[in-house]
Amino acid sequence: MKTTMRKRNILKGLAGCIMVMFLAGALCACGPNKWVGAYGGTSTSGSKVEITINEDGTVEYNKDGDVKEGTWKENENSIDLDFDGAVSSSSEPLIVTMSSDENTITVESDNSSWNADIYQRR
């Protein structure tokens, strides 16, 4: 009888530990999105540019004080920025990739007329 109770208590303890580990892992997976933040620098055309990527799926593109608002969506290794043509009617969506240290982004387009720009995390 005591052996059965002891086994039952051990199993309950193990089940509790497994549940705690599962919940801890799930919470770690819900961390902040690596893309969210502000990036800036000088574009290849010489303009001061700041791109702010927000947690809620919105993005701001500030070029020399002219701010355009849009949305972003995440792909496997990049994000697409869409400003409904306000930044570049022929080059959107803009494709953003990130450096391995997550401090630099490259903004490109499938349109060959767009020159790739590199911006630093702020």
PDB file of N, CA and C in Angstrom:
ATOM      1  N   MET A   1       0.820  -1.190   0.000  1.00  0.00           N
ATOM      2  CA  MET A   1       0.000   0.000   0.000  1.00  0.00           C
ATOM      3  C   MET A   1       0.866   1.256   0.000  1.00  0.00           C
ATOM      4  N   LYS A   2       1.889   1.290   0.900  1.00  0.00           N
ATOM      5  CA  LYS A   2       2.773   2.446   0.965  1.00  0.00           C
ATOM      6  C   LYS A   2       3.555   2.608  -0.334  1.00  0.00           C
ATOM      7  N   THR A   3       3.957   1.492  -0.934  1.00  0.00           N
ATOM      8  CA  THR A   3       4.706   1.536  -2.185  1.00  0.00           C
ATOM      9  C   THR A   3       3.858   2.138  -3.299  1.00  0.00           C
ATOM     10  N   THR A   4       2.587   1.759  -3.365  1.00  0.00           N
ATOM     11  CA  THR A   4       1.672   2.298  -4.367  1.00  0.00           C
ATOM     12  C   THR A   4       1.480   3.798  -4.177  1.00  0.00           C
ATOM     13  N   MET A   5       1.321   4.241  -2.938  1.00  0.00           N
ATOM     14  CA  MET A   5       1.156   5.677  -2.639  1.00  0.00           C
ATOM     15  C   MET A   5       2.416   6.444  -3.027  1.00  0.00           C
ATOM     16  N   ARG A   6       3.552   5.854  -2.719  1.00  0.00           N
ATOM     17  CA  ARG A   6       4.826   6.510  -3.029  1.00  0.00           C
ATOM     18  C   ARG A   6       4.988   6.665  -4.544  1.00  0.00           C
ATOM     19  N   LYS A   7       4.676   5.599  -5.306  1.00  0.00           N
ATOM     20  CA  LYS A   7       4.761   5.660  -6.768  1.00  0.00           C
ATOM     21  C   LYS A   7       3.813   6.722  -7.320  1.00  0.00           C
ATOM     22  N   ARG A   8       2.615   6.775  -6.770  1.00  0.00           N
ATOM     23  CA  ARG A   8       1.622   7.756  -7.211  1.00  0.00           C
ATOM     24  C   ARG A   8       2.132   9.184  -6.956  1.00  0.00           C
ATOM     25  N   ASN A   9       2.716   9.417  -5.795  1.00  0.00           N
ATOM     26  CA  ASN A   9       3.252  10.741  -5.464  1.00  0.00           C
ATOM     27  C   ASN A   9       4.421  11.120  -6.378  1.00  0.00           C
ATOM     28  N   ILE A  10       5.265  10.136  -6.685  1.00  0.00           N
ATOM     29  CA  ILE A  10       6.389  10.390  -7.593  1.00  0.00           C
ATOM     30  C   ILE A  10       5.866  10.754  -8.978  1.00  0.00           C
ATOM     31  N   LEU A  11       4.866  10.014  -9.465  1.00  0.00           N
ATOM     32  CA  LEU A  11       4.285  10.303 -10.777  1.00  0.00           C
ATOM     33  C   LEU A  11       3.634  11.684 -10.813  1.00  0.00           C
ATOM     34  N   LYS A  12       2.952  12.054  -9.741  1.00  0.00           N
ATOM     35  CA  LYS A  12       2.347  13.390  -9.662  1.00  0.00           C
ATOM     36  C   LYS A  12       3.428  14.465  -9.713  1.00  0.00           C
ATOM     37  N   GLY A  13       4.511  14.231  -8.987  1.00  0.00           N
ATOM     38  CA  GLY A  13       5.620  15.185  -8.978  1.00  0.00           C
ATOM     39  C   GLY A  13       6.252  15.325 -10.353  1.00  0.00           C
ATOM     40  N   LEU A  14       6.457  14.191 -11.039  1.00  0.00           N
ATOM     41  CA  LEU A  14       7.019  14.224 -12.388  1.00  0.00           C
ATOM     42  C   LEU A  14       6.091  14.944 -13.357  1.00  0.00           C
ATOM     43  N   ALA A  15       4.805  14.664 -13.263  1.00  0.00           N
ATOM     44  CA  ALA A  15       3.834  15.331 -14.136  1.00  0.00           C
ATOM     45  C   ALA A  15       3.852  16.837 -13.899  1.00  0.00           C
ATOM     46  N   GLY A  16       3.955  17.234 -12.648  1.00  0.00           N
ATOM     47  CA  GLY A  16       4.022  18.662 -12.322  1.00  0.00           C
ATOM     48  C   GLY A  16       5.269  19.308 -12.891  1.00  0.00           C
ATOM     49  N   CYS A  17       6.408  18.627 -12.778  1.00  0.00           N
ATOM     50  CA  CYS A  17       7.667  19.157 -13.322  1.00  0.00           C
ATOM     51  C   CYS A  17       7.601  19.290 -14.841  1.00  0.00           C
ATOM     52  N   ILE A  18       7.043  18.294 -15.495  1.00  0.00           N
ATOM     53  CA  ILE A  18       6.915  18.340 -16.953  1.00  0.00           C
ATOM     54  C   ILE A  18       6.026  19.505 -17.367  1.00  0.00           C
ATOM     55  N   MET A  19       4.939  19.719 -16.650  1.00  0.00           N
ATOM     56  CA  MET A  19       4.036  20.816 -16.968  1.00  0.00           C
ATOM     57  C   MET A  19       4.736  22.167 -16.798  1.00  0.00           C
ATOM     58  N   VAL A  20       5.495  22.326 -15.733  1.00  0.00           N
ATOM     59  CA  VAL A  20       6.225  23.578 -15.494  1.00  0.00           C
ATOM     60  C   VAL A  20       7.245  23.815 -16.606  1.00  0.00           C
ATOM     61  N   MET A  21       7.966  22.776 -17.011  1.00  0.00           N
ATOM     62  CA  MET A  21       8.954  22.917 -18.082  1.00  0.00           C
ATOM     63  C   MET A  21       8.277  23.281 -19.397  1.00  0.00           C
ATOM     64  N   PHE A  22       7.142  22.688 -19.687  1.00  0.00           N
ATOM     65  CA  PHE A  22       6.402  22.992 -20.907  1.00  0.00           C
ATOM     66  C   PHE A  22       5.958  24.450 -20.924  1.00  0.00           C
ATOM     67  N   LEU A  23       5.388  24.914 -19.824  1.00  0.00           N
ATOM     68  CA  LEU A  23       4.930  26.303 -19.741  1.00  0.00           C
ATOM     69  C   LEU A  23       6.092  27.280 -19.840  1.00  0.00           C
ATOM     70  N   ALA A  24       7.212  26.971 -19.220  1.00  0.00           N
ATOM     71  CA  ALA A  24       8.389  27.842 -19.297  1.00  0.00           C
ATOM     72  C   ALA A  24       8.886  27.933 -20.736  1.00  0.00           C
ATOM     73  N   GLY A  25       8.904  26.817 -21.437  1.00  0.00           N
ATOM     74  CA  GLY A  25       9.311  26.819 -22.841  1.00  0.00           C
ATOM     75  C   GLY A  25       8.365  27.617 -23.707  1.00  0.00           C
ATOM     76  N   ALA A  26       7.081  27.499 -23.448  1.00  0.00           N
ATOM     77  CA  ALA A  26       6.094  28.251 -24.222  1.00  0.00           C
ATOM     78  C   ALA A  26       6.249  29.746 -23.997  1.00  0.00           C
ATOM     79  N   LEU A  27       6.519  30.149 -22.780  1.00  0.00           N
ATOM     80  CA  LEU A  27       6.699  31.572 -22.490  1.00  0.00           C
ATOM     81  C   LEU A  27       7.958  32.123 -23.138  1.00  0.00           C
ATOM     82  N   CYS A  28       9.008  31.352 -23.200  1.00  0.00           N
ATOM     83  CA  CYS A  28      10.241  31.801 -23.841  1.00  0.00           C
ATOM     84  C   CYS A  28      10.025  32.009 -25.333  1.00  0.00           C
ATOM     85  N   ALA A  29       9.184  31.196 -25.947  1.00  0.00           N
ATOM     86  CA  ALA A  29       8.913  31.311 -27.376  1.00  0.00           C
ATOM     87  C   ALA A  29       8.111  32.558 -27.706  1.00  0.00           C
ATOM     88  N   CYS A  30       7.518  33.197 -26.717  1.00  0.00           N
ATOM     89  CA  CYS A  30       6.690  34.378 -26.948  1.00  0.00           C
ATOM     90  C   CYS A  30       7.470  35.674 -26.743  1.00  0.00           C
ATOM     91  N   GLY A  31       8.777  35.638 -26.885  1.00  0.00           N
ATOM     92  CA  GLY A  31       9.605  36.823 -26.670  1.00  0.00           C
ATOM     93  C   GLY A  31       9.357  37.867 -27.743  1.00  0.00           C
ATOM     94  N   PRO A  32      10.030  38.995 -27.631  1.00  0.00           N
ATOM     95  CA  PRO A  32       9.840  40.077 -28.590  1.00  0.00           C
ATOM     96  C   PRO A  32      10.313  39.672 -29.985  1.00  0.00           C
ATOM     97  N   ASN A  33       9.671  40.214 -31.000  1.00  0.00           N
ATOM     98  CA  ASN A  33      10.020  39.930 -32.375  1.00  0.00           C
ATOM     99  C   ASN A  33      11.352  40.587 -32.709  1.00  0.00           C
ATOM    100  N   LYS A  34      12.258  39.846 -33.337  1.00  0.00           N
ATOM    101  CA  LYS A  34      13.595  40.370 -33.619  1.00  0.00           C
ATOM    102  C   LYS A  34      13.580  41.546 -34.587  1.00  0.00           C
ATOM    103  N   TRP A  35      12.538  41.678 -35.385  1.00  0.00           N
ATOM    104  CA  TRP A  35      12.483  42.755 -36.373  1.00  0.00           C
ATOM    105  C   TRP A  35      12.088  44.096 -35.757  1.00  0.00           C
ATOM    106  N   VAL A  36      11.367  44.063 -34.654  1.00  0.00           N
ATOM    107  CA  VAL A  36      10.817  45.289 -34.065  1.00  0.00           C
ATOM    108  C   VAL A  36      11.942  46.206 -33.601  1.00  0.00           C
ATOM    109  N   GLY A  37      11.829  47.488 -33.988  1.00  0.00           N
ATOM    110  CA  GLY A  37      12.825  48.473 -33.585  1.00  0.00           C
ATOM    111  C   GLY A  37      12.973  49.559 -34.630  1.00  0.00           C
ATOM    112  N   ALA A  38      13.893  50.464 -34.380  1.00  0.00           N
ATOM    113  CA  ALA A  38      14.172  51.572 -35.302  1.00  0.00           C
ATOM    114  C   ALA A  38      15.540  51.356 -35.934  1.00  0.00           C
ATOM    115  N   TYR A  39      15.620  51.632 -37.226  1.00  0.00           N
ATOM    116  CA  TYR A  39      16.848  51.479 -37.991  1.00  0.00           C
ATOM    117  C   TYR A  39      17.059  52.760 -38.779  1.00  0.00           C
ATOM    118  N   GLY A  40      18.295  53.153 -38.972  1.00  0.00           N
ATOM    119  CA  GLY A  40      18.510  54.378 -39.716  1.00  0.00           C
ATOM    120  C   GLY A  40      19.882  54.460 -40.337  1.00  0.00           C
ATOM    121  N   GLY A  41      20.009  55.469 -41.203  1.00  0.00           N
ATOM    122  CA  GLY A  41      21.271  55.716 -41.882  1.00  0.00           C
ATOM    123  C   GLY A  41      21.034  56.585 -43.093  1.00  0.00           C
ATOM    124  N   THR A  42      21.988  56.573 -43.994  1.00  0.00           N
ATOM    125  CA  THR A  42      21.905  57.349 -45.226  1.00  0.00           C
ATOM    126  C   THR A  42      21.678  56.390 -46.384  1.00  0.00           C
ATOM    127  N   SER A  43      20.671  56.684 -47.202  1.00  0.00           N
ATOM    128  CA  SER A  43      20.361  55.823 -48.342  1.00  0.00           C
ATOM    129  C   SER A  43      21.415  56.011 -49.432  1.00  0.00           C
ATOM    130  N   THR A  44      21.389  55.139 -50.432  1.00  0.00           N
ATOM    131  CA  THR A  44      22.332  55.246 -51.543  1.00  0.00           C
ATOM    132  C   THR A  44      22.122  56.528 -52.339  1.00  0.00           C
ATOM    133  N   SER A  45      20.935  57.141 -52.216  1.00  0.00           N
ATOM    134  CA  SER A  45      20.673  58.412 -52.904  1.00  0.00           C
ATOM    135  C   SER A  45      21.087  59.618 -52.057  1.00  0.00           C
ATOM    136  N   GLY A  46      21.597  59.370 -50.834  1.00  0.00           N
ATOM    137  CA  GLY A  46      22.062  60.455 -49.970  1.00  0.00           C
ATOM    138  C   GLY A  46      21.035  60.993 -48.994  1.00  0.00           C
ATOM    139  N   SER A  47      19.858  60.399 -48.933  1.00  0.00           N
ATOM    140  CA  SER A  47      18.806  60.853 -48.018  1.00  0.00           C
ATOM    141  C   SER A  47      18.970  60.219 -46.645  1.00  0.00           C
ATOM    142  N   LYS A  48      18.587  60.972 -45.613  1.00  0.00           N
ATOM    143  CA  LYS A  48      18.537  60.416 -44.256  1.00  0.00           C
ATOM    144  C   LYS A  48      17.252  59.603 -44.148  1.00  0.00           C
ATOM    145  N   VAL A  49      17.375  58.342 -43.757  1.00  0.00           N
ATOM    146  CA  VAL A  49      16.219  57.448 -43.679  1.00  0.00           C
ATOM    147  C   VAL A  49      16.183  56.801 -42.301  1.00  0.00           C
ATOM    148  N   GLU A  50      14.976  56.738 -41.727  1.00  0.00           N
ATOM    149  CA  GLU A  50      14.754  55.958 -40.509  1.00  0.00           C
ATOM    150  C   GLU A  50      13.521  55.101 -40.737  1.00  0.00           C
ATOM    151  N   ILE A  51      13.660  53.830 -40.459  1.00  0.00           N
ATOM    152  CA  ILE A  51      12.556  52.880 -40.578  1.00  0.00           C
ATOM    153  C   ILE A  51      12.239  52.373 -39.179  1.00  0.00           C
ATOM    154  N   THR A  52      10.974  52.510 -38.785  1.00  0.00           N
ATOM    155  CA  THR A  52      10.536  52.031 -37.475  1.00  0.00           C
ATOM    156  C   THR A  52       9.552  50.894 -37.685  1.00  0.00           C
ATOM    157  N   ILE A  53       9.923  49.710 -37.214  1.00  0.00           N
ATOM    158  CA  ILE A  53       9.095  48.514 -37.347  1.00  0.00           C
ATOM    159  C   ILE A  53       8.442  48.263 -35.997  1.00  0.00           C
ATOM    160  N   ASN A  54       7.121  48.307 -35.975  1.00  0.00           N
ATOM    161  CA  ASN A  54       6.355  48.193 -34.730  1.00  0.00           C
ATOM    162  C   ASN A  54       5.824  46.782 -34.524  1.00  0.00           C
ATOM    163  N   GLU A  55       5.628  46.417 -33.265  1.00  0.00           N
ATOM    164  CA  GLU A  55       5.137  45.089 -32.879  1.00  0.00           C
ATOM    165  C   GLU A  55       3.768  44.781 -33.492  1.00  0.00           C
ATOM    166  N   ASP A  56       2.935  45.810 -33.695  1.00  0.00           N
ATOM    167  CA  ASP A  56       1.558  45.604 -34.168  1.00  0.00           C
ATOM    168  C   ASP A  56       1.438  45.398 -35.676  1.00  0.00           C
ATOM    169  N   GLY A  57       2.558  45.265 -36.381  1.00  0.00           N
ATOM    170  CA  GLY A  57       2.514  45.023 -37.819  1.00  0.00           C
ATOM    171  C   GLY A  57       2.546  46.287 -38.657  1.00  0.00           C
ATOM    172  N   THR A  58       2.711  47.437 -38.024  1.00  0.00           N
ATOM    173  CA  THR A  58       2.824  48.693 -38.767  1.00  0.00           C
ATOM    174  C   THR A  58       4.296  49.082 -38.883  1.00  0.00           C
ATOM    175  N   VAL A  59       4.576  49.934 -39.853  1.00  0.00           N
ATOM    176  CA  VAL A  59       5.945  50.395 -40.092  1.00  0.00           C
ATOM    177  C   VAL A  59       5.899  51.850 -40.541  1.00  0.00           C
ATOM    178  N   GLU A  60       6.915  52.611 -40.183  1.00  0.00           N
ATOM    179  CA  GLU A  60       7.051  53.999 -40.637  1.00  0.00           C
ATOM    180  C   GLU A  60       8.366  54.133 -41.393  1.00  0.00           C
ATOM    181  N   TYR A  61       8.298  54.821 -42.524  1.00  0.00           N
ATOM    182  CA  TYR A  61       9.474  55.085 -43.356  1.00  0.00           C
ATOM    183  C   TYR A  61       9.649  56.590 -43.403  1.00  0.00           C
ATOM    184  N   ASN A  62      10.680  57.083 -42.735  1.00  0.00           N
ATOM    185  CA  ASN A  62      10.930  58.522 -42.635  1.00  0.00           C
ATOM    186  C   ASN A  62      12.138  58.854 -43.500  1.00  0.00           C
ATOM    187  N   LYS A  63      11.878  59.545 -44.607  1.00  0.00           N
ATOM    188  CA  LYS A  63      12.949  59.940 -45.531  1.00  0.00           C
ATOM    189  C   LYS A  63      13.047  61.456 -45.519  1.00  0.00           C
ATOM    190  N   ASP A  64      14.098  61.971 -44.913  1.00  0.00           N
ATOM    191  CA  ASP A  64      14.317  63.420 -44.811  1.00  0.00           C
ATOM    192  C   ASP A  64      13.120  64.146 -44.209  1.00  0.00           C
ATOM    193  N   GLY A  65      12.455  63.531 -43.219  1.00  0.00           N
ATOM    194  CA  GLY A  65      11.328  64.157 -42.532  1.00  0.00           C
ATOM    195  C   GLY A  65       9.970  63.876 -43.139  1.00  0.00           C
ATOM    196  N   ASP A  66       9.918  63.243 -44.305  1.00  0.00           N
ATOM    197  CA  ASP A  66       8.652  62.878 -44.954  1.00  0.00           C
ATOM    198  C   ASP A  66       8.306  61.446 -44.527  1.00  0.00           C
ATOM    199  N   VAL A  67       7.305  61.318 -43.658  1.00  0.00           N
ATOM    200  CA  VAL A  67       6.970  60.018 -43.065  1.00  0.00           C
ATOM    201  C   VAL A  67       5.848  59.339 -43.849  1.00  0.00           C
ATOM    202  N   LYS A  68       6.090  58.099 -44.233  1.00  0.00           N
ATOM    203  CA  LYS A  68       5.083  57.250 -44.888  1.00  0.00           C
ATOM    204  C   LYS A  68       4.783  56.089 -43.946  1.00  0.00           C
ATOM    205  N   GLU A  69       3.504  55.763 -43.803  1.00  0.00           N
ATOM    206  CA  GLU A  69       3.094  54.659 -42.934  1.00  0.00           C
ATOM    207  C   GLU A  69       2.669  53.467 -43.772  1.00  0.00           C
ATOM    208  N   GLY A  70       2.978  52.285 -43.269  1.00  0.00           N
ATOM    209  CA  GLY A  70       2.624  51.074 -43.981  1.00  0.00           C
ATOM    210  C   GLY A  70       2.513  49.895 -43.037  1.00  0.00           C
ATOM    211  N   THR A  71       2.591  48.719 -43.616  1.00  0.00           N
ATOM    212  CA  THR A  71       2.501  47.478 -42.848  1.00  0.00           C
ATOM    213  C   THR A  71       3.682  46.580 -43.208  1.00  0.00           C
ATOM    214  N   TRP A  72       3.932  45.615 -42.333  1.00  0.00           N
ATOM    215  CA  TRP A  72       4.969  44.630 -42.618  1.00  0.00           C
ATOM    216  C   TRP A  72       4.455  43.245 -42.289  1.00  0.00           C
ATOM    217  N   LYS A  73       5.001  42.262 -43.017  1.00  0.00           N
ATOM    218  CA  LYS A  73       4.675  40.864 -42.729  1.00  0.00           C
ATOM    219  C   LYS A  73       5.958  40.055 -42.778  1.00  0.00           C
ATOM    220  N   GLU A  74       6.003  39.073 -41.895  1.00  0.00           N
ATOM    221  CA  GLU A  74       7.212  38.267 -41.750  1.00  0.00           C
ATOM    222  C   GLU A  74       7.175  37.063 -42.676  1.00  0.00           C
ATOM    223  N   ASN A  75       8.302  36.819 -43.319  1.00  0.00           N
ATOM    224  CA  ASN A  75       8.520  35.619 -44.120  1.00  0.00           C
ATOM    225  C   ASN A  75       9.503  34.733 -43.353  1.00  0.00           C
ATOM    226  N   GLU A  76      10.005  33.705 -43.995  1.00  0.00           N
ATOM    227  CA  GLU A  76      10.907  32.790 -43.291  1.00  0.00           C
ATOM    228  C   GLU A  76      12.187  33.485 -42.820  1.00  0.00           C
ATOM    229  N   ASN A  77      12.853  34.234 -43.702  1.00  0.00           N
ATOM    230  CA  ASN A  77      14.122  34.886 -43.347  1.00  0.00           C
ATOM    231  C   ASN A  77      14.129  36.374 -43.668  1.00  0.00           C
ATOM    232  N   SER A  78      12.971  36.949 -43.876  1.00  0.00           N
ATOM    233  CA  SER A  78      12.885  38.359 -44.248  1.00  0.00           C
ATOM    234  C   SER A  78      11.508  38.894 -43.866  1.00  0.00           C
ATOM    235  N   ILE A  79      11.337  40.198 -44.060  1.00  0.00           N
ATOM    236  CA  ILE A  79      10.009  40.793 -43.936  1.00  0.00           C
ATOM    237  C   ILE A  79       9.748  41.621 -45.186  1.00  0.00           C
ATOM    238  N   ASP A  80       8.475  41.790 -45.516  1.00  0.00           N
ATOM    239  CA  ASP A  80       8.055  42.649 -46.617  1.00  0.00           C
ATOM    240  C   ASP A  80       7.445  43.910 -46.039  1.00  0.00           C
ATOM    241  N   LEU A  81       7.860  45.069 -46.568  1.00  0.00           N
ATOM    242  CA  LEU A  81       7.287  46.348 -46.173  1.00  0.00           C
ATOM    243  C   LEU A  81       6.393  46.831 -47.297  1.00  0.00           C
ATOM    244  N   ASP A  82       5.159  47.184 -46.969  1.00  0.00           N
ATOM    245  CA  ASP A  82       4.193  47.646 -47.966  1.00  0.00           C
ATOM    246  C   ASP A  82       3.643  49.001 -47.545  1.00  0.00           C
ATOM    247  N   PHE A  83       3.828  49.985 -48.415  1.00  0.00           N
ATOM    248  CA  PHE A  83       3.356  51.345 -48.155  1.00  0.00           C
ATOM    249  C   PHE A  83       2.316  51.770 -49.193  1.00  0.00           C
ATOM    250  N   ASP A  84       1.650  50.816 -49.819  1.00  0.00           N
ATOM    251  CA  ASP A  84       0.664  51.086 -50.877  1.00  0.00           C
ATOM    252  C   ASP A  84       1.235  52.000 -51.956  1.00  0.00           C
ATOM    253  N   GLY A  85       2.506  51.814 -52.281  1.00  0.00           N
ATOM    254  CA  GLY A  85       3.148  52.584 -53.338  1.00  0.00           C
ATOM    255  C   GLY A  85       3.639  53.959 -52.930  1.00  0.00           C
ATOM    256  N   ALA A  86       3.461  54.355 -51.684  1.00  0.00           N
ATOM    257  CA  ALA A  86       3.840  55.708 -51.242  1.00  0.00           C
ATOM    258  C   ALA A  86       5.354  55.908 -51.191  1.00  0.00           C
ATOM    259  N   VAL A  87       6.115  54.858 -50.941  1.00  0.00           N
ATOM    260  CA  VAL A  87       7.577  54.974 -50.922  1.00  0.00           C
ATOM    261  C   VAL A  87       8.128  54.773 -52.329  1.00  0.00           C
ATOM    262  N   SER A  88       7.645  53.750 -53.013  1.00  0.00           N
ATOM    263  CA  SER A  88       8.049  53.493 -54.396  1.00  0.00           C
ATOM    264  C   SER A  88       6.980  52.649 -55.070  1.00  0.00           C
ATOM    265  N   SER A  89       6.234  53.265 -55.959  1.00  0.00           N
ATOM    266  CA  SER A  89       5.117  52.556 -56.597  1.00  0.00           C
ATOM    267  C   SER A  89       5.589  51.382 -57.447  1.00  0.00           C
ATOM    268  N   SER A  90       6.825  51.429 -57.935  1.00  0.00           N
ATOM    269  CA  SER A  90       7.304  50.342 -58.788  1.00  0.00           C
ATOM    270  C   SER A  90       8.146  49.305 -58.047  1.00  0.00           C
ATOM    271  N   SER A  91       8.543  49.595 -56.812  1.00  0.00           N
ATOM    272  CA  SER A  91       9.469  48.697 -56.115  1.00  0.00           C
ATOM    273  C   SER A  91       8.890  47.997 -54.896  1.00  0.00           C
ATOM    274  N   GLU A  92       7.676  48.325 -54.505  1.00  0.00           N
ATOM    275  CA  GLU A  92       7.089  47.682 -53.325  1.00  0.00           C
ATOM    276  C   GLU A  92       6.472  46.342 -53.700  1.00  0.00           C
ATOM    277  N   PRO A  93       6.429  45.412 -52.753  1.00  0.00           N
ATOM    278  CA  PRO A  93       6.886  45.524 -51.371  1.00  0.00           C
ATOM    279  C   PRO A  93       8.410  45.536 -51.307  1.00  0.00           C
ATOM    280  N   LEU A  94       8.929  46.281 -50.343  1.00  0.00           N
ATOM    281  CA  LEU A  94      10.359  46.287 -50.088  1.00  0.00           C
ATOM    282  C   LEU A  94      10.697  45.053 -49.264  1.00  0.00           C
ATOM    283  N   ILE A  95      11.816  44.442 -49.556  1.00  0.00           N
ATOM    284  CA  ILE A  95      12.229  43.206 -48.891  1.00  0.00           C
ATOM    285  C   ILE A  95      13.364  43.537 -47.926  1.00  0.00           C
ATOM    286  N   VAL A  96      13.179  43.173 -46.665  1.00  0.00           N
ATOM    287  CA  VAL A  96      14.166  43.484 -45.632  1.00  0.00           C
ATOM    288  C   VAL A  96      14.765  42.189 -45.097  1.00  0.00           C
ATOM    289  N   THR A  97      16.089  42.129 -45.094  1.00  0.00           N
ATOM    290  CA  THR A  97      16.805  41.016 -44.473  1.00  0.00           C
ATOM    291  C   THR A  97      17.664  41.574 -43.342  1.00  0.00           C
ATOM    292  N   MET A  98      18.039  40.698 -42.416  1.00  0.00           N
ATOM    293  CA  MET A  98      18.776  41.134 -41.227  1.00  0.00           C
ATOM    294  C   MET A  98      20.119  40.415 -41.136  1.00  0.00           C
ATOM    295  N   SER A  99      21.113  41.128 -40.645  1.00  0.00           N
ATOM    296  CA  SER A  99      22.431  40.534 -40.425  1.00  0.00           C
ATOM    297  C   SER A  99      22.353  39.509 -39.296  1.00  0.00           C
ATOM    298  N   SER A 100      23.330  38.631 -39.238  1.00  0.00           N
ATOM    299  CA  SER A 100      23.313  37.573 -38.222  1.00  0.00           C
ATOM    300  C   SER A 100      23.425  38.123 -36.805  1.00  0.00           C
ATOM    301  N   ASP A 101      24.045  39.299 -36.625  1.00  0.00           N
ATOM    302  CA  ASP A 101      24.124  39.888 -35.283  1.00  0.00           C
ATOM    303  C   ASP A 101      22.891  40.730 -34.943  1.00  0.00           C
ATOM    304  N   GLU A 102      21.943  40.801 -35.879  1.00  0.00           N
ATOM    305  CA  GLU A 102      20.657  41.500 -35.719  1.00  0.00           C
ATOM    306  C   GLU A 102      20.810  43.004 -35.470  1.00  0.00           C
ATOM    307  N   ASN A 103      21.908  43.596 -35.943  1.00  0.00           N
ATOM    308  CA  ASN A 103      22.125  45.033 -35.778  1.00  0.00           C
ATOM    309  C   ASN A 103      22.013  45.822 -37.071  1.00  0.00           C
ATOM    310  N   THR A 104      21.913  45.124 -38.202  1.00  0.00           N
ATOM    311  CA  THR A 104      21.876  45.780 -39.503  1.00  0.00           C
ATOM    312  C   THR A 104      20.789  45.147 -40.361  1.00  0.00           C
ATOM    313  N   ILE A 105      20.043  45.998 -41.082  1.00  0.00           N
ATOM    314  CA  ILE A 105      19.080  45.481 -42.057  1.00  0.00           C
ATOM    315  C   ILE A 105      19.478  45.959 -43.447  1.00  0.00           C
ATOM    316  N   THR A 106      19.122  45.165 -44.441  1.00  0.00           N
ATOM    317  CA  THR A 106      19.294  45.537 -45.839  1.00  0.00           C
ATOM    318  C   THR A 106      17.910  45.624 -46.455  1.00  0.00           C
ATOM    319  N   VAL A 107      17.632  46.755 -47.107  1.00  0.00           N
ATOM    320  CA  VAL A 107      16.330  46.982 -47.738  1.00  0.00           C
ATOM    321  C   VAL A 107      16.527  46.866 -49.243  1.00  0.00           C
ATOM    322  N   GLU A 108      15.815  45.911 -49.850  1.00  0.00           N
ATOM    323  CA  GLU A 108      15.946  45.629 -51.273  1.00  0.00           C
ATOM    324  C   GLU A 108      14.568  45.542 -51.917  1.00  0.00           C
ATOM    325  N   SER A 109      14.572  45.284 -53.217  1.00  0.00           N
ATOM    326  CA  SER A 109      13.333  45.098 -53.960  1.00  0.00           C
ATOM    327  C   SER A 109      13.576  44.091 -55.066  1.00  0.00           C
ATOM    328  N   ASP A 110      12.496  43.468 -55.533  1.00  0.00           N
ATOM    329  CA  ASP A 110      12.603  42.606 -56.707  1.00  0.00           C
ATOM    330  C   ASP A 110      12.818  43.439 -57.965  1.00  0.00           C
ATOM    331  N   ASN A 111      12.504  44.728 -57.898  1.00  0.00           N
ATOM    332  CA  ASN A 111      12.692  45.640 -59.019  1.00  0.00           C
ATOM    333  C   ASN A 111      14.158  46.072 -59.063  1.00  0.00           C
ATOM    334  N   SER A 112      14.817  45.842 -60.183  1.00  0.00           N
ATOM    335  CA  SER A 112      16.254  46.137 -60.293  1.00  0.00           C
ATOM    336  C   SER A 112      16.569  47.630 -60.246  1.00  0.00           C
ATOM    337  N   SER A 113      15.570  48.496 -60.389  1.00  0.00           N
ATOM    338  CA  SER A 113      15.836  49.938 -60.323  1.00  0.00           C
ATOM    339  C   SER A 113      16.037  50.418 -58.883  1.00  0.00           C
ATOM    340  N   TRP A 114      15.678  49.584 -57.907  1.00  0.00           N
ATOM    341  CA  TRP A 114      15.862  49.947 -56.493  1.00  0.00           C
ATOM    342  C   TRP A 114      17.282  49.577 -56.074  1.00  0.00           C
ATOM    343  N   ASN A 115      18.008  50.529 -55.513  1.00  0.00           N
ATOM    344  CA  ASN A 115      19.349  50.261 -54.987  1.00  0.00           C
ATOM    345  C   ASN A 115      19.233  49.815 -53.537  1.00  0.00           C
ATOM    346  N   ALA A 116      19.892  48.718 -53.213  1.00  0.00           N
ATOM    347  CA  ALA A 116      19.830  48.193 -51.843  1.00  0.00           C
ATOM    348  C   ALA A 116      20.438  49.195 -50.866  1.00  0.00           C
ATOM    349  N   ASP A 117      19.761  49.379 -49.737  1.00  0.00           N
ATOM    350  CA  ASP A 117      20.229  50.272 -48.682  1.00  0.00           C
ATOM    351  C   ASP A 117      20.470  49.463 -47.414  1.00  0.00           C
ATOM    352  N   ILE A 118      21.470  49.874 -46.642  1.00  0.00           N
ATOM    353  CA  ILE A 118      21.809  49.200 -45.388  1.00  0.00           C
ATOM    354  C   ILE A 118      21.646  50.193 -44.249  1.00  0.00           C
ATOM    355  N   TYR A 119      20.909  49.777 -43.204  1.00  0.00           N
ATOM    356  CA  TYR A 119      20.636  50.652 -42.059  1.00  0.00           C
ATOM    357  C   TYR A 119      21.004  49.952 -40.756  1.00  0.00           C
ATOM    358  N   GLN A 120      21.419  50.759 -39.779  1.00  0.00           N
ATOM    359  CA  GLN A 120      21.829  50.265 -38.464  1.00  0.00           C
ATOM    360  C   GLN A 120      20.669  50.348 -37.476  1.00  0.00           C
ATOM    361  N   ARG A 121      20.629  49.387 -36.562  1.00  0.00           N
ATOM    362  CA  ARG A 121      19.636  49.434 -35.477  1.00  0.00           C
ATOM    363  C   ARG A 121      19.951  50.629 -34.586  1.00  0.00           C
ATOM    364  N   ARG A 122      18.912  51.332 -34.162  1.00  0.00           N
ATOM    365  CA  ARG A 122      19.076  52.514 -33.290  1.00  0.00           C
ATOM    366  C   ARG A 122      18.836  52.148 -31.855  1.00  0.00           C
TER     367      ARG A 122
END
